Amino acid sequence: MSQEWMLDLLKDLRVVAHRQAMYEVAEHLDDVAVLVAREVQISNACLAAASAEDELDGDVSRAVAECDTP
């Protein structure tokens, strides 16, 4: 399942916050959206690296190493 639904949810929350004149909340939601986008990108890269490693039956060390860090 794609994790990009979180970005859609954050966008909707930001719109509501802005309409309710909760500008600081809307700004923080923008910041969170940037973090989520980065995490989704890393997660997708990790899944691709793991898939490539399985297909190659070998080591894709640099990409997989990044996925092992918490």
PDB file of N, CA and C in Angstrom:
ATOM      1  N   MET A   1       0.841  -1.194   0.000  1.00  0.00           N
ATOM      2  CA  MET A   1       0.000   0.000   0.000  1.00  0.00           C
ATOM      3  C   MET A   1       0.878   1.247   0.000  1.00  0.00           C
ATOM      4  N   SER A   2       0.532   2.170  -0.814  1.00  0.00           N
ATOM      5  CA  SER A   2       1.285   3.407  -0.917  1.00  0.00           C
ATOM      6  C   SER A   2       1.130   4.235   0.360  1.00  0.00           C
ATOM      7  N   GLN A   3       2.197   4.919   0.698  1.00  0.00           N
ATOM      8  CA  GLN A   3       2.170   5.782   1.883  1.00  0.00           C
ATOM      9  C   GLN A   3       1.833   7.224   1.520  1.00  0.00           C
ATOM     10  N   GLU A   4       1.626   7.469   0.250  1.00  0.00           N
ATOM     11  CA  GLU A   4       1.388   8.837  -0.190  1.00  0.00           C
ATOM     12  C   GLU A   4       0.033   9.385   0.247  1.00  0.00           C
ATOM     13  N   TRP A   5      -0.831   8.533   0.744  1.00  0.00           N
ATOM     14  CA  TRP A   5      -2.118   8.992   1.254  1.00  0.00           C
ATOM     15  C   TRP A   5      -1.908   9.972   2.407  1.00  0.00           C
ATOM     16  N   MET A   6      -0.787   9.805   3.124  1.00  0.00           N
ATOM     17  CA  MET A   6      -0.504  10.703   4.239  1.00  0.00           C
ATOM     18  C   MET A   6      -0.310  12.130   3.753  1.00  0.00           C
ATOM     19  N   LEU A   7       0.323  12.277   2.599  1.00  0.00           N
ATOM     20  CA  LEU A   7       0.513  13.616   2.035  1.00  0.00           C
ATOM     21  C   LEU A   7      -0.827  14.243   1.661  1.00  0.00           C
ATOM     22  N   ASP A   8      -1.719  13.433   1.113  1.00  0.00           N
ATOM     23  CA  ASP A   8      -3.055  13.932   0.773  1.00  0.00           C
ATOM     24  C   ASP A   8      -3.806  14.374   2.033  1.00  0.00           C
ATOM     25  N   LEU A   9      -3.698  13.590   3.079  1.00  0.00           N
ATOM     26  CA  LEU A   9      -4.361  13.921   4.338  1.00  0.00           C
ATOM     27  C   LEU A   9      -3.803  15.212   4.917  1.00  0.00           C
ATOM     28  N   LEU A  10      -2.488  15.345   4.921  1.00  0.00           N
ATOM     29  CA  LEU A  10      -1.868  16.569   5.440  1.00  0.00           C
ATOM     30  C   LEU A  10      -2.286  17.795   4.633  1.00  0.00           C
ATOM     31  N   LYS A  11      -2.389  17.633   3.329  1.00  0.00           N
ATOM     32  CA  LYS A  11      -2.836  18.739   2.473  1.00  0.00           C
ATOM     33  C   LYS A  11      -4.252  19.153   2.848  1.00  0.00           C
ATOM     34  N   ASP A  12      -5.132  18.165   3.034  1.00  0.00           N
ATOM     35  CA  ASP A  12      -6.512  18.472   3.416  1.00  0.00           C
ATOM     36  C   ASP A  12      -6.565  19.164   4.780  1.00  0.00           C
ATOM     37  N   LEU A  13      -5.775  18.676   5.726  1.00  0.00           N
ATOM     38  CA  LEU A  13      -5.741  19.290   7.057  1.00  0.00           C
ATOM     39  C   LEU A  13      -5.226  20.729   6.981  1.00  0.00           C
ATOM     40  N   ARG A  14      -4.229  20.944   6.117  1.00  0.00           N
ATOM     41  CA  ARG A  14      -3.690  22.284   5.963  1.00  0.00           C
ATOM     42  C   ARG A  14      -4.743  23.246   5.408  1.00  0.00           C
ATOM     43  N   VAL A  15      -5.512  22.784   4.435  1.00  0.00           N
ATOM     44  CA  VAL A  15      -6.572  23.616   3.855  1.00  0.00           C
ATOM     45  C   VAL A  15      -7.590  23.988   4.926  1.00  0.00           C
ATOM     46  N   VAL A  16      -7.987  23.017   5.728  1.00  0.00           N
ATOM     47  CA  VAL A  16      -8.961  23.289   6.790  1.00  0.00           C
ATOM     48  C   VAL A  16      -8.378  24.264   7.809  1.00  0.00           C
ATOM     49  N   ALA A  17      -7.132  24.039   8.213  1.00  0.00           N
ATOM     50  CA  ALA A  17      -6.499  24.933   9.182  1.00  0.00           C
ATOM     51  C   ALA A  17      -6.437  26.358   8.642  1.00  0.00           C
ATOM     52  N   HIS A  18      -6.080  26.500   7.387  1.00  0.00           N
ATOM     53  CA  HIS A  18      -5.986  27.833   6.780  1.00  0.00           C
ATOM     54  C   HIS A  18      -7.354  28.503   6.731  1.00  0.00           C
ATOM     55  N   ARG A  19      -8.382  27.742   6.358  1.00  0.00           N
ATOM     56  CA  ARG A  19      -9.742  28.303   6.294  1.00  0.00           C
ATOM     57  C   ARG A  19     -10.240  28.738   7.663  1.00  0.00           C
ATOM     58  N   GLN A  20      -9.742  28.071   8.710  1.00  0.00           N
ATOM     59  CA  GLN A  20     -10.157  28.395  10.071  1.00  0.00           C
ATOM     60  C   GLN A  20      -9.238  29.438  10.711  1.00  0.00           C
ATOM     61  N   ALA A  21      -8.399  30.062   9.881  1.00  0.00           N
ATOM     62  CA  ALA A  21      -7.458  31.089  10.331  1.00  0.00           C
ATOM     63  C   ALA A  21      -6.473  30.544  11.360  1.00  0.00           C
ATOM     64  N   MET A  22      -6.135  29.278  11.225  1.00  0.00           N
ATOM     65  CA  MET A  22      -5.138  28.647  12.095  1.00  0.00           C
ATOM     66  C   MET A  22      -3.822  28.579  11.304  1.00  0.00           C
ATOM     67  N   TYR A  23      -3.261  29.758  11.078  1.00  0.00           N
ATOM     68  CA  TYR A  23      -2.133  29.888  10.170  1.00  0.00           C
ATOM     69  C   TYR A  23      -0.866  29.207  10.682  1.00  0.00           C
ATOM     70  N   GLU A  24      -0.650  29.241  11.972  1.00  0.00           N
ATOM     71  CA  GLU A  24       0.536  28.585  12.536  1.00  0.00           C
ATOM     72  C   GLU A  24       0.418  27.068  12.378  1.00  0.00           C
ATOM     73  N   VAL A  25      -0.766  26.540  12.601  1.00  0.00           N
ATOM     74  CA  VAL A  25      -0.992  25.107  12.407  1.00  0.00           C
ATOM     75  C   VAL A  25      -0.769  24.743  10.944  1.00  0.00           C
ATOM     76  N   ALA A  26      -1.294  25.555  10.038  1.00  0.00           N
ATOM     77  CA  ALA A  26      -1.119  25.302   8.603  1.00  0.00           C
ATOM     78  C   ALA A  26       0.368  25.291   8.246  1.00  0.00           C
ATOM     79  N   GLU A  27       1.127  26.196   8.816  1.00  0.00           N
ATOM     80  CA  GLU A  27       2.565  26.254   8.548  1.00  0.00           C
ATOM     81  C   GLU A  27       3.273  25.000   9.064  1.00  0.00           C
ATOM     82  N   HIS A  28       2.895  24.555  10.240  1.00  0.00           N
ATOM     83  CA  HIS A  28       3.495  23.329  10.789  1.00  0.00           C
ATOM     84  C   HIS A  28       3.119  22.106   9.951  1.00  0.00           C
ATOM     85  N   LEU A  29       1.918  22.102   9.445  1.00  0.00           N
ATOM     86  CA  LEU A  29       1.506  20.992   8.579  1.00  0.00           C
ATOM     87  C   LEU A  29       2.326  20.975   7.293  1.00  0.00           C
ATOM     88  N   ASP A  30       2.691  22.141   6.788  1.00  0.00           N
ATOM     89  CA  ASP A  30       3.591  22.213   5.632  1.00  0.00           C
ATOM     90  C   ASP A  30       4.926  21.560   5.963  1.00  0.00           C
ATOM     91  N   ASP A  31       5.446  21.866   7.156  1.00  0.00           N
ATOM     92  CA  ASP A  31       6.722  21.285   7.585  1.00  0.00           C
ATOM     93  C   ASP A  31       6.620  19.764   7.695  1.00  0.00           C
ATOM     94  N   VAL A  32       5.534  19.297   8.257  1.00  0.00           N
ATOM     95  CA  VAL A  32       5.332  17.855   8.404  1.00  0.00           C
ATOM     96  C   VAL A  32       5.209  17.199   7.036  1.00  0.00           C
ATOM     97  N   ALA A  33       4.559  17.865   6.097  1.00  0.00           N
ATOM     98  CA  ALA A  33       4.407  17.314   4.750  1.00  0.00           C
ATOM     99  C   ALA A  33       5.775  17.112   4.089  1.00  0.00           C
ATOM    100  N   VAL A  34       6.696  18.032   4.332  1.00  0.00           N
ATOM    101  CA  VAL A  34       8.052  17.891   3.788  1.00  0.00           C
ATOM    102  C   VAL A  34       8.722  16.660   4.388  1.00  0.00           C
ATOM    103  N   LEU A  35       8.575  16.474   5.690  1.00  0.00           N
ATOM    104  CA  LEU A  35       9.159  15.296   6.346  1.00  0.00           C
ATOM    105  C   LEU A  35       8.545  14.004   5.825  1.00  0.00           C
ATOM    106  N   VAL A  36       7.239  13.988   5.675  1.00  0.00           N
ATOM    107  CA  VAL A  36       6.560  12.793   5.175  1.00  0.00           C
ATOM    108  C   VAL A  36       7.001  12.491   3.747  1.00  0.00           C
ATOM    109  N   ALA A  37       7.112  13.503   2.926  1.00  0.00           N
ATOM    110  CA  ALA A  37       7.548  13.293   1.544  1.00  0.00           C
ATOM    111  C   ALA A  37       8.940  12.667   1.512  1.00  0.00           C
ATOM    112  N   ARG A  38       9.821  13.151   2.364  1.00  0.00           N
ATOM    113  CA  ARG A  38      11.174  12.598   2.430  1.00  0.00           C
ATOM    114  C   ARG A  38      11.146  11.151   2.903  1.00  0.00           C
ATOM    115  N   GLU A  39      10.369  10.867   3.927  1.00  0.00           N
ATOM    116  CA  GLU A  39      10.274   9.507   4.443  1.00  0.00           C
ATOM    117  C   GLU A  39       9.660   8.550   3.414  1.00  0.00           C
ATOM    118  N   VAL A  40       8.663   9.002   2.696  1.00  0.00           N
ATOM    119  CA  VAL A  40       8.052   8.177   1.650  1.00  0.00           C
ATOM    120  C   VAL A  40       9.081   7.878   0.568  1.00  0.00           C
ATOM    121  N   GLN A  41       9.853   8.887   0.188  1.00  0.00           N
ATOM    122  CA  GLN A  41      10.886   8.693  -0.830  1.00  0.00           C
ATOM    123  C   GLN A  41      11.928   7.685  -0.353  1.00  0.00           C
ATOM    124  N   ILE A  42      12.368   7.795   0.879  1.00  0.00           N
ATOM    125  CA  ILE A  42      13.349   6.853   1.435  1.00  0.00           C
ATOM    126  C   ILE A  42      12.754   5.455   1.500  1.00  0.00           C
ATOM    127  N   SER A  43      11.515   5.368   1.946  1.00  0.00           N
ATOM    128  CA  SER A  43      10.856   4.069   2.044  1.00  0.00           C
ATOM    129  C   SER A  43      10.733   3.400   0.679  1.00  0.00           C
ATOM    130  N   ASN A  44      10.349   4.177  -0.317  1.00  0.00           N
ATOM    131  CA  ASN A  44      10.236   3.633  -1.673  1.00  0.00           C
ATOM    132  C   ASN A  44      11.593   3.179  -2.199  1.00  0.00           C
ATOM    133  N   ALA A  45      12.633   3.956  -1.901  1.00  0.00           N
ATOM    134  CA  ALA A  45      13.985   3.580  -2.331  1.00  0.00           C
ATOM    135  C   ALA A  45      14.431   2.296  -1.638  1.00  0.00           C
ATOM    136  N   CYS A  46      14.081   2.156  -0.374  1.00  0.00           N
ATOM    137  CA  CYS A  46      14.442   0.945   0.367  1.00  0.00           C
ATOM    138  C   CYS A  46      13.725  -0.276  -0.195  1.00  0.00           C
ATOM    139  N   LEU A  47      12.463  -0.110  -0.526  1.00  0.00           N
ATOM    140  CA  LEU A  47      11.722  -1.225  -1.112  1.00  0.00           C
ATOM    141  C   LEU A  47      12.313  -1.614  -2.456  1.00  0.00           C
ATOM    142  N   ALA A  48      12.691  -0.621  -3.248  1.00  0.00           N
ATOM    143  CA  ALA A  48      13.289  -0.897  -4.548  1.00  0.00           C
ATOM    144  C   ALA A  48      14.642  -1.585  -4.386  1.00  0.00           C
ATOM    145  N   ALA A  49      15.433  -1.128  -3.418  1.00  0.00           N
ATOM    146  CA  ALA A  49      16.742  -1.726  -3.183  1.00  0.00           C
ATOM    147  C   ALA A  49      16.604  -3.168  -2.703  1.00  0.00           C
ATOM    148  N   ALA A  50      15.653  -3.393  -1.808  1.00  0.00           N
ATOM    149  CA  ALA A  50      15.436  -4.752  -1.313  1.00  0.00           C
ATOM    150  C   ALA A  50      14.981  -5.660  -2.442  1.00  0.00           C
ATOM    151  N   SER A  51      14.146  -5.143  -3.307  1.00  0.00           N
ATOM    152  CA  SER A  51      13.674  -5.919  -4.452  1.00  0.00           C
ATOM    153  C   SER A  51      14.832  -6.223  -5.398  1.00  0.00           C
ATOM    154  N   ALA A  52      15.671  -5.221  -5.639  1.00  0.00           N
ATOM    155  CA  ALA A  52      16.830  -5.421  -6.514  1.00  0.00           C
ATOM    156  C   ALA A  52      17.786  -6.429  -5.912  1.00  0.00           C
ATOM    157  N   GLU A  53      17.967  -6.369  -4.598  1.00  0.00           N
ATOM    158  CA  GLU A  53      18.859  -7.318  -3.924  1.00  0.00           C
ATOM    159  C   GLU A  53      18.323  -8.737  -4.062  1.00  0.00           C
ATOM    160  N   ASP A  54      17.017  -8.897  -3.913  1.00  0.00           N
ATOM    161  CA  ASP A  54      16.407 -10.216  -4.070  1.00  0.00           C
ATOM    162  C   ASP A  54      16.599 -10.741  -5.486  1.00  0.00           C
ATOM    163  N   GLU A  55      16.413  -9.849  -6.461  1.00  0.00           N
ATOM    164  CA  GLU A  55      16.541 -10.260  -7.861  1.00  0.00           C
ATOM    165  C   GLU A  55      17.974 -10.615  -8.215  1.00  0.00           C
ATOM    166  N   LEU A  56      18.917  -9.869  -7.642  1.00  0.00           N
ATOM    167  CA  LEU A  56      20.326 -10.112  -7.950  1.00  0.00           C
ATOM    168  C   LEU A  56      20.917 -11.218  -7.086  1.00  0.00           C
ATOM    169  N   ASP A  57      20.199 -11.562  -6.021  1.00  0.00           N
ATOM    170  CA  ASP A  57      20.676 -12.556  -5.057  1.00  0.00           C
ATOM    171  C   ASP A  57      22.073 -12.173  -4.585  1.00  0.00           C
ATOM    172  N   GLY A  58      22.251 -10.877  -4.364  1.00  0.00           N
ATOM    173  CA  GLY A  58      23.559 -10.388  -3.962  1.00  0.00           C
ATOM    174  C   GLY A  58      23.434  -9.235  -3.006  1.00  0.00           C
ATOM    175  N   ASP A  59      24.379  -8.325  -3.114  1.00  0.00           N
ATOM    176  CA  ASP A  59      24.458  -7.223  -2.168  1.00  0.00           C
ATOM    177  C   ASP A  59      24.284  -5.885  -2.877  1.00  0.00           C
ATOM    178  N   VAL A  60      23.317  -5.129  -2.400  1.00  0.00           N
ATOM    179  CA  VAL A  60      23.141  -3.754  -2.865  1.00  0.00           C
ATOM    180  C   VAL A  60      23.396  -2.913  -1.620  1.00  0.00           C
ATOM    181  N   SER A  61      24.631  -2.963  -1.161  1.00  0.00           N
ATOM    182  CA  SER A  61      24.989  -2.532   0.182  1.00  0.00           C
ATOM    183  C   SER A  61      24.659  -1.091   0.533  1.00  0.00           C
ATOM    184  N   ARG A  62      24.990  -0.125  -0.309  1.00  0.00           N
ATOM    185  CA  ARG A  62      24.784   1.262   0.083  1.00  0.00           C
ATOM    186  C   ARG A  62      23.308   1.585   0.246  1.00  0.00           C
ATOM    187  N   ALA A  63      22.482   1.191  -0.688  1.00  0.00           N
ATOM    188  CA  ALA A  63      21.043   1.486  -0.624  1.00  0.00           C
ATOM    189  C   ALA A  63      20.400   0.780   0.546  1.00  0.00           C
ATOM    190  N   VAL A  64      20.769  -0.476   0.763  1.00  0.00           N
ATOM    191  CA  VAL A  64      20.164  -1.241   1.858  1.00  0.00           C
ATOM    192  C   VAL A  64      20.671  -0.739   3.193  1.00  0.00           C
ATOM    193  N   ALA A  65      21.922  -0.304   3.269  1.00  0.00           N
ATOM    194  CA  ALA A  65      22.475   0.231   4.508  1.00  0.00           C
ATOM    195  C   ALA A  65      21.679   1.425   4.972  1.00  0.00           C
ATOM    196  N   GLU A  66      21.269   2.297   4.055  1.00  0.00           N
ATOM    197  CA  GLU A  66      20.458   3.449   4.424  1.00  0.00           C
ATOM    198  C   GLU A  66      19.107   3.019   4.979  1.00  0.00           C
ATOM    199  N   CYS A  67      18.600   1.919   4.542  1.00  0.00           N
ATOM    200  CA  CYS A  67      17.305   1.437   4.988  1.00  0.00           C
ATOM    201  C   CYS A  67      17.372   0.840   6.387  1.00  0.00           C
ATOM    202  N   ASP A  68      18.552   0.410   6.784  1.00  0.00           N
ATOM    203  CA  ASP A  68      18.710  -0.215   8.095  1.00  0.00           C
ATOM    204  C   ASP A  68      18.811   0.805   9.220  1.00  0.00           C
ATOM    205  N   THR A  69      19.050   2.067   8.887  1.00  0.00           N
ATOM    206  CA  THR A  69      19.175   3.075   9.927  1.00  0.00           C
ATOM    207  C   THR A  69      17.794   3.518  10.370  1.00  0.00           C
ATOM    208  N   PRO A  70      17.598   3.631  11.692  1.00  0.00           N
ATOM    209  CA  PRO A  70      16.275   4.016  12.216  1.00  0.00           C
ATOM    210  C   PRO A  70      15.918   5.446  11.946  1.00  0.00           C
TER     211      PRO A  70
END
